[in-house]
N, C-alpha and C. Protein backbone atom coordinates (compact mmCIF):
# COMPACT_ATOMS: atom_id res chain seq x y z
N MET A 1 17.64 9.41 6.64
CA MET A 1 18.15 8.08 6.33
C MET A 1 17.34 7.51 5.16
N SER A 2 17.99 6.83 4.26
CA SER A 2 17.31 6.30 3.07
C SER A 2 16.44 5.10 3.43
N GLN A 3 15.47 4.82 2.57
CA GLN A 3 14.61 3.64 2.77
C GLN A 3 15.41 2.36 2.73
N THR A 4 16.43 2.32 1.88
CA THR A 4 17.26 1.13 1.78
C THR A 4 17.98 0.87 3.10
N THR A 5 18.52 1.92 3.71
CA THR A 5 19.22 1.76 4.99
C THR A 5 18.24 1.35 6.09
N THR A 6 17.09 1.99 6.13
CA THR A 6 16.08 1.64 7.13
C THR A 6 15.65 0.19 6.97
N GLY A 7 15.44 -0.25 5.75
CA GLY A 7 15.05 -1.64 5.49
C GLY A 7 16.13 -2.62 5.91
N LEU A 8 17.37 -2.29 5.64
CA LEU A 8 18.48 -3.17 6.02
C LEU A 8 18.61 -3.27 7.54
N ILE A 9 18.44 -2.14 8.23
CA ILE A 9 18.46 -2.16 9.69
C ILE A 9 17.35 -3.08 10.21
N GLY A 10 16.16 -2.99 9.63
CA GLY A 10 15.06 -3.85 10.03
C GLY A 10 15.35 -5.32 9.80
N GLU A 11 16.01 -5.64 8.70
CA GLU A 11 16.35 -7.04 8.42
C GLU A 11 17.34 -7.59 9.44
N TYR A 12 18.32 -6.79 9.82
CA TYR A 12 19.27 -7.23 10.84
C TYR A 12 18.58 -7.38 12.20
N LEU A 13 17.69 -6.45 12.53
CA LEU A 13 16.94 -6.58 13.79
C LEU A 13 16.09 -7.86 13.77
N ALA A 14 15.42 -8.12 12.66
CA ALA A 14 14.58 -9.32 12.54
C ALA A 14 15.43 -10.58 12.67
N ALA A 15 16.61 -10.58 12.06
CA ALA A 15 17.50 -11.75 12.17
C ALA A 15 17.89 -11.98 13.62
N GLY A 16 18.21 -10.91 14.34
CA GLY A 16 18.55 -11.03 15.75
C GLY A 16 17.38 -11.54 16.59
N ILE A 17 16.20 -11.09 16.28
CA ILE A 17 15.01 -11.54 17.00
C ILE A 17 14.79 -13.03 16.76
N MET A 18 14.95 -13.47 15.51
CA MET A 18 14.76 -14.89 15.22
C MET A 18 15.79 -15.73 15.97
N LEU A 19 17.02 -15.27 16.04
CA LEU A 19 18.04 -15.99 16.80
C LEU A 19 17.66 -16.07 18.28
N SER A 20 17.12 -14.96 18.81
CA SER A 20 16.73 -14.95 20.22
C SER A 20 15.54 -15.87 20.49
N LEU A 21 14.76 -16.18 19.46
CA LEU A 21 13.62 -17.09 19.60
C LEU A 21 14.04 -18.55 19.43
N GLY A 22 15.33 -18.79 19.24
CA GLY A 22 15.84 -20.16 19.16
C GLY A 22 15.93 -20.73 17.76
N TRP A 23 15.76 -19.90 16.74
CA TRP A 23 15.85 -20.34 15.35
C TRP A 23 17.20 -19.94 14.78
N ARG A 24 17.70 -20.71 13.85
CA ARG A 24 18.87 -20.34 13.06
C ARG A 24 18.35 -19.45 11.94
N VAL A 25 19.17 -18.58 11.44
CA VAL A 25 18.68 -17.65 10.41
C VAL A 25 19.80 -17.30 9.44
N SER A 26 19.40 -17.12 8.20
CA SER A 26 20.31 -16.66 7.17
C SER A 26 19.66 -15.51 6.42
N MET A 27 20.42 -14.46 6.20
CA MET A 27 19.90 -13.35 5.40
C MET A 27 20.07 -13.74 3.94
N CYS A 28 18.99 -13.66 3.21
CA CYS A 28 19.02 -14.08 1.80
C CYS A 28 18.14 -13.15 0.98
N GLN A 29 18.50 -11.89 0.96
CA GLN A 29 17.68 -10.89 0.31
C GLN A 29 17.39 -11.24 -1.15
N GLN A 30 16.19 -11.72 -1.36
CA GLN A 30 15.69 -12.04 -2.69
C GLN A 30 14.54 -11.07 -2.98
N ASP A 31 13.83 -11.28 -4.07
CA ASP A 31 12.73 -10.38 -4.40
C ASP A 31 11.69 -10.33 -3.28
N LYS A 32 11.33 -11.46 -2.71
CA LYS A 32 10.27 -11.46 -1.71
C LYS A 32 10.65 -12.13 -0.41
N VAL A 33 11.83 -12.70 -0.31
CA VAL A 33 12.27 -13.36 0.91
C VAL A 33 13.53 -12.65 1.41
N ASP A 34 13.47 -12.20 2.67
CA ASP A 34 14.63 -11.53 3.25
C ASP A 34 15.43 -12.44 4.17
N LEU A 35 14.73 -13.33 4.87
CA LEU A 35 15.38 -14.24 5.81
C LEU A 35 14.88 -15.66 5.60
N LEU A 36 15.77 -16.60 5.79
CA LEU A 36 15.39 -18.00 5.84
C LEU A 36 15.73 -18.47 7.24
N ALA A 37 14.71 -18.95 7.96
CA ALA A 37 14.93 -19.41 9.33
C ALA A 37 14.65 -20.91 9.39
N TRP A 38 15.42 -21.61 10.23
CA TRP A 38 15.20 -23.04 10.36
C TRP A 38 15.46 -23.49 11.78
N LYS A 39 14.78 -24.57 12.12
CA LYS A 39 14.94 -25.19 13.43
C LYS A 39 14.66 -26.67 13.21
N ASP A 40 15.61 -27.51 13.55
CA ASP A 40 15.51 -28.94 13.27
C ASP A 40 15.32 -29.11 11.76
N ASP A 41 14.22 -29.74 11.34
CA ASP A 41 13.97 -29.96 9.90
C ASP A 41 12.90 -29.02 9.34
N GLU A 42 12.61 -27.95 10.03
CA GLU A 42 11.56 -27.02 9.59
C GLU A 42 12.19 -25.73 9.10
N TYR A 43 11.72 -25.26 7.95
CA TYR A 43 12.21 -24.03 7.35
C TYR A 43 11.05 -23.07 7.15
N ILE A 44 11.30 -21.78 7.38
CA ILE A 44 10.29 -20.76 7.09
C ILE A 44 10.95 -19.60 6.35
N ARG A 45 10.19 -19.07 5.40
CA ARG A 45 10.63 -17.92 4.61
C ARG A 45 9.99 -16.67 5.21
N ILE A 46 10.81 -15.65 5.43
CA ILE A 46 10.34 -14.44 6.11
C ILE A 46 10.60 -13.21 5.25
N GLN A 47 9.58 -12.40 5.10
CA GLN A 47 9.71 -11.10 4.46
C GLN A 47 9.68 -10.06 5.59
N VAL A 48 10.61 -9.12 5.59
CA VAL A 48 10.71 -8.10 6.62
C VAL A 48 10.24 -6.77 6.06
N LYS A 49 9.35 -6.12 6.78
CA LYS A 49 8.92 -4.77 6.44
C LYS A 49 9.23 -3.89 7.63
N THR A 50 9.88 -2.77 7.39
CA THR A 50 10.27 -1.86 8.45
C THR A 50 9.59 -0.52 8.24
N ALA A 51 9.06 0.04 9.32
CA ALA A 51 8.41 1.35 9.23
C ALA A 51 8.91 2.24 10.36
N GLN A 52 8.94 3.54 10.06
CA GLN A 52 9.26 4.53 11.08
C GLN A 52 7.96 5.17 11.53
N LEU A 53 7.96 5.69 12.75
CA LEU A 53 6.77 6.37 13.25
C LEU A 53 6.45 7.57 12.37
N SER A 54 5.20 7.70 12.02
CA SER A 54 4.77 8.86 11.23
C SER A 54 3.68 9.58 12.01
N GLY A 55 3.44 10.83 11.65
CA GLY A 55 2.39 11.60 12.29
C GLY A 55 2.89 12.50 13.40
N GLU A 56 4.14 12.38 13.79
CA GLU A 56 4.65 13.20 14.89
C GLU A 56 4.78 14.67 14.50
N LYS A 57 5.11 14.92 13.25
CA LYS A 57 5.37 16.29 12.81
C LYS A 57 4.09 17.10 12.64
N ASP A 58 2.98 16.46 12.28
CA ASP A 58 1.74 17.19 12.04
C ASP A 58 0.74 17.03 13.19
N ALA A 59 1.23 16.68 14.37
CA ALA A 59 0.45 16.60 15.61
C ALA A 59 -0.60 15.49 15.61
N ARG A 60 -0.52 14.56 14.68
CA ARG A 60 -1.42 13.41 14.73
C ARG A 60 -0.83 12.36 15.64
N THR A 61 -1.64 11.41 16.03
CA THR A 61 -1.16 10.31 16.86
C THR A 61 -0.13 9.52 16.06
N PRO A 62 1.05 9.32 16.59
CA PRO A 62 2.09 8.58 15.85
C PRO A 62 1.67 7.13 15.60
N VAL A 63 1.93 6.65 14.39
CA VAL A 63 1.65 5.27 14.01
C VAL A 63 2.78 4.76 13.12
N TYR A 64 2.88 3.44 13.07
CA TYR A 64 3.73 2.79 12.08
C TYR A 64 2.84 2.47 10.89
N HIS A 65 3.28 2.83 9.69
CA HIS A 65 2.51 2.54 8.48
C HIS A 65 3.34 1.60 7.61
N PHE A 66 2.89 0.34 7.52
CA PHE A 66 3.60 -0.68 6.76
C PHE A 66 2.95 -0.85 5.38
N GLN A 67 3.79 -1.02 4.37
CA GLN A 67 3.35 -1.27 3.00
C GLN A 67 3.55 -2.74 2.67
N PHE A 68 2.49 -3.44 2.27
CA PHE A 68 2.57 -4.88 2.02
C PHE A 68 2.64 -5.24 0.54
N GLY A 69 2.11 -4.42 -0.33
CA GLY A 69 2.08 -4.74 -1.75
C GLY A 69 3.45 -4.63 -2.39
N SER A 70 3.63 -5.36 -3.48
CA SER A 70 4.87 -5.26 -4.24
C SER A 70 4.56 -4.83 -5.66
N GLY A 71 5.52 -4.28 -6.32
CA GLY A 71 5.33 -3.81 -7.69
C GLY A 71 5.37 -2.30 -7.75
N GLN A 72 5.80 -1.77 -8.89
CA GLN A 72 5.93 -0.33 -9.05
C GLN A 72 4.58 0.38 -9.17
N LYS A 73 3.83 0.06 -10.21
CA LYS A 73 2.57 0.76 -10.46
C LYS A 73 1.37 -0.02 -9.95
N ASN A 74 1.25 -1.25 -10.38
CA ASN A 74 0.13 -2.09 -9.97
C ASN A 74 0.58 -2.97 -8.81
N LYS A 75 0.16 -2.61 -7.62
CA LYS A 75 0.56 -3.35 -6.44
C LYS A 75 -0.09 -4.73 -6.41
N ILE A 76 0.68 -5.72 -5.96
CA ILE A 76 0.21 -7.10 -5.86
C ILE A 76 0.39 -7.55 -4.42
N LEU A 77 -0.65 -8.18 -3.88
CA LEU A 77 -0.55 -8.72 -2.53
C LEU A 77 0.26 -10.01 -2.54
N PRO A 78 1.03 -10.25 -1.49
CA PRO A 78 1.81 -11.50 -1.42
C PRO A 78 0.91 -12.69 -1.15
N SER A 79 1.44 -13.88 -1.45
CA SER A 79 0.70 -15.11 -1.20
C SER A 79 1.64 -16.14 -0.59
N GLU A 80 1.09 -17.31 -0.28
CA GLU A 80 1.88 -18.39 0.31
C GLU A 80 3.00 -18.85 -0.63
N LYS A 81 2.89 -18.57 -1.91
CA LYS A 81 3.94 -18.91 -2.87
C LYS A 81 5.18 -18.02 -2.66
N ASP A 82 4.96 -16.83 -2.13
CA ASP A 82 6.04 -15.85 -1.98
C ASP A 82 6.87 -16.07 -0.71
N TYR A 83 6.19 -16.18 0.42
CA TYR A 83 6.86 -16.40 1.70
C TYR A 83 5.85 -16.87 2.72
N ASP A 84 6.33 -17.24 3.92
CA ASP A 84 5.47 -17.82 4.94
C ASP A 84 5.02 -16.81 5.99
N ILE A 85 5.95 -16.00 6.45
CA ILE A 85 5.68 -15.09 7.57
C ILE A 85 6.16 -13.69 7.21
N LEU A 86 5.36 -12.72 7.60
CA LEU A 86 5.71 -11.31 7.44
C LEU A 86 6.17 -10.79 8.81
N CYS A 87 7.35 -10.22 8.85
CA CYS A 87 7.91 -9.65 10.08
C CYS A 87 7.82 -8.13 9.97
N LEU A 88 7.08 -7.52 10.87
CA LEU A 88 6.88 -6.07 10.87
C LEU A 88 7.77 -5.46 11.95
N VAL A 89 8.77 -4.69 11.53
CA VAL A 89 9.71 -4.10 12.47
C VAL A 89 9.34 -2.64 12.71
N GLY A 90 9.12 -2.30 13.99
CA GLY A 90 8.91 -0.92 14.40
C GLY A 90 10.27 -0.29 14.64
N TYR A 91 10.69 0.55 13.73
CA TYR A 91 12.06 1.08 13.73
C TYR A 91 12.44 1.73 15.06
N GLN A 92 11.63 2.65 15.55
CA GLN A 92 11.97 3.35 16.78
C GLN A 92 11.91 2.44 18.01
N HIS A 93 11.07 1.42 17.97
CA HIS A 93 10.95 0.50 19.10
C HIS A 93 12.02 -0.59 19.08
N ARG A 94 12.62 -0.82 17.91
CA ARG A 94 13.61 -1.90 17.75
C ARG A 94 13.00 -3.25 18.13
N LYS A 95 11.73 -3.43 17.77
CA LYS A 95 11.00 -4.66 18.06
C LYS A 95 10.20 -5.05 16.82
N ALA A 96 9.69 -6.29 16.84
CA ALA A 96 8.97 -6.79 15.67
C ALA A 96 7.71 -7.53 16.10
N LEU A 97 6.76 -7.58 15.18
CA LEU A 97 5.56 -8.41 15.30
C LEU A 97 5.50 -9.26 14.04
N PHE A 98 4.88 -10.43 14.15
CA PHE A 98 4.85 -11.38 13.04
C PHE A 98 3.42 -11.68 12.62
N LEU A 99 3.22 -11.87 11.32
CA LEU A 99 1.92 -12.26 10.76
C LEU A 99 2.13 -13.39 9.77
N PRO A 100 1.24 -14.38 9.78
CA PRO A 100 1.31 -15.38 8.72
C PRO A 100 0.83 -14.73 7.42
N ILE A 101 1.37 -15.14 6.32
CA ILE A 101 1.02 -14.52 5.05
C ILE A 101 -0.48 -14.62 4.74
N ALA A 102 -1.14 -15.66 5.22
CA ALA A 102 -2.58 -15.82 4.97
C ALA A 102 -3.39 -14.69 5.58
N GLN A 103 -2.87 -13.99 6.57
CA GLN A 103 -3.60 -12.89 7.19
C GLN A 103 -3.35 -11.54 6.52
N VAL A 104 -2.49 -11.51 5.53
CA VAL A 104 -2.20 -10.26 4.83
C VAL A 104 -3.19 -10.12 3.69
N GLN A 105 -4.19 -9.26 3.89
CA GLN A 105 -5.25 -9.10 2.90
C GLN A 105 -5.47 -7.65 2.50
N GLN A 106 -4.51 -6.79 2.85
CA GLN A 106 -4.59 -5.39 2.45
C GLN A 106 -3.21 -4.93 2.01
N TYR A 107 -3.18 -3.81 1.31
CA TYR A 107 -1.92 -3.31 0.75
C TYR A 107 -1.07 -2.55 1.76
N SER A 108 -1.70 -2.07 2.82
CA SER A 108 -0.95 -1.37 3.86
C SER A 108 -1.69 -1.50 5.18
N LYS A 109 -0.96 -1.23 6.25
CA LYS A 109 -1.57 -1.34 7.57
C LYS A 109 -0.92 -0.33 8.49
N ARG A 110 -1.76 0.39 9.22
CA ARG A 110 -1.29 1.29 10.25
C ARG A 110 -1.37 0.56 11.59
N MET A 111 -0.30 0.67 12.37
CA MET A 111 -0.26 -0.03 13.66
C MET A 111 0.18 0.91 14.77
N SER A 112 -0.48 0.80 15.89
CA SER A 112 -0.15 1.60 17.05
C SER A 112 1.21 1.17 17.60
N PRO A 113 2.02 2.13 18.02
CA PRO A 113 3.32 1.78 18.62
C PRO A 113 3.16 0.96 19.90
N GLN A 114 2.03 1.09 20.58
CA GLN A 114 1.81 0.35 21.82
C GLN A 114 1.78 -1.15 21.59
N LEU A 115 1.43 -1.59 20.38
CA LEU A 115 1.42 -3.03 20.09
C LEU A 115 2.81 -3.63 20.24
N PHE A 116 3.83 -2.84 19.95
CA PHE A 116 5.21 -3.32 20.04
C PHE A 116 5.70 -3.36 21.49
N ASP A 117 5.01 -2.65 22.38
CA ASP A 117 5.40 -2.60 23.78
C ASP A 117 4.79 -3.71 24.64
N ALA A 118 3.82 -4.43 24.10
CA ALA A 118 3.16 -5.47 24.88
C ALA A 118 4.17 -6.52 25.34
N PRO A 119 4.01 -7.02 26.57
CA PRO A 119 4.96 -8.03 27.06
C PRO A 119 4.99 -9.26 26.15
N LYS A 120 6.19 -9.67 25.80
CA LYS A 120 6.42 -10.85 24.97
C LYS A 120 5.66 -10.79 23.63
N ALA A 121 5.46 -9.58 23.09
CA ALA A 121 4.73 -9.43 21.83
C ALA A 121 5.41 -10.18 20.70
N GLU A 122 6.74 -10.13 20.65
CA GLU A 122 7.45 -10.82 19.57
C GLU A 122 7.21 -12.32 19.66
N LEU A 123 7.42 -12.88 20.83
CA LEU A 123 7.25 -14.32 21.03
C LEU A 123 5.82 -14.77 20.73
N HIS A 124 4.85 -14.07 21.27
CA HIS A 124 3.45 -14.47 21.08
C HIS A 124 3.02 -14.35 19.62
N SER A 125 3.39 -13.24 18.98
CA SER A 125 2.98 -13.07 17.57
C SER A 125 3.69 -14.07 16.68
N PHE A 126 4.95 -14.40 16.99
CA PHE A 126 5.66 -15.39 16.18
C PHE A 126 5.03 -16.77 16.35
N ASN A 127 4.73 -17.16 17.58
CA ASN A 127 4.12 -18.47 17.81
C ASN A 127 2.78 -18.60 17.11
N LYS A 128 1.98 -17.53 17.12
CA LYS A 128 0.68 -17.57 16.42
C LYS A 128 0.88 -17.67 14.91
N ALA A 129 1.83 -16.91 14.38
CA ALA A 129 2.10 -16.95 12.94
C ALA A 129 2.62 -18.32 12.53
N LEU A 130 3.52 -18.89 13.33
CA LEU A 130 4.08 -20.19 13.02
C LEU A 130 3.01 -21.28 13.07
N ALA A 131 2.12 -21.21 14.03
CA ALA A 131 1.02 -22.18 14.13
C ALA A 131 0.13 -22.11 12.89
N ALA A 132 -0.14 -20.91 12.41
CA ALA A 132 -0.96 -20.75 11.21
C ALA A 132 -0.25 -21.31 9.97
N VAL A 133 1.04 -21.08 9.87
CA VAL A 133 1.82 -21.60 8.74
C VAL A 133 1.83 -23.13 8.78
N ARG A 134 2.05 -23.69 9.95
CA ARG A 134 2.05 -25.14 10.07
C ARG A 134 0.70 -25.75 9.72
N ALA A 135 -0.37 -25.09 10.14
CA ALA A 135 -1.72 -25.60 9.85
C ALA A 135 -2.02 -25.55 8.35
N ALA A 136 -1.44 -24.58 7.66
CA ALA A 136 -1.69 -24.44 6.22
C ALA A 136 -0.87 -25.41 5.37
N ARG A 137 0.17 -25.98 5.94
CA ARG A 137 1.04 -26.88 5.16
C ARG A 137 0.44 -28.24 4.99
C-alpha cells in the first residue's frame, strides 16, 4: 500500500476519533494541517501522522516509527505556528495518541504498540494535549 493511501486512512481514522470525543471535524488537507476540529467556540488544528508496525520482518521488537519533520532535504520541526496538536495513528491498531505541538522536539519517534492498547489512551492523551494547548494560548 502506498504512503499516500496509508496517510489518508490515518486521517479518516483520526477524524472518526475526534467525532467520538465529541468534537466536530473537517478534513482540510493543507501543507501542515490535516484536520480542523471545533467544539463550541474553540478551534484546534491537527496534523495526522500514520505509521505501520516495523521490525516484524527482521525479528526485532515491532514498533511504530513516526516522522515529525517536514521538508525534502533539510527537515524542519513543526511549531505552534503550524498546528496545535499532533495525532499519531497506529495503523494496525486503528487507534491514535495525541501530543501538543510544544512537546514535539525531535524529528522522529519510535513508539511501542502497547501504548495504543492502554485503556482510554485516546481520550487521556487528547485531554492532556488539549490542556497544554489551552495553557499556551
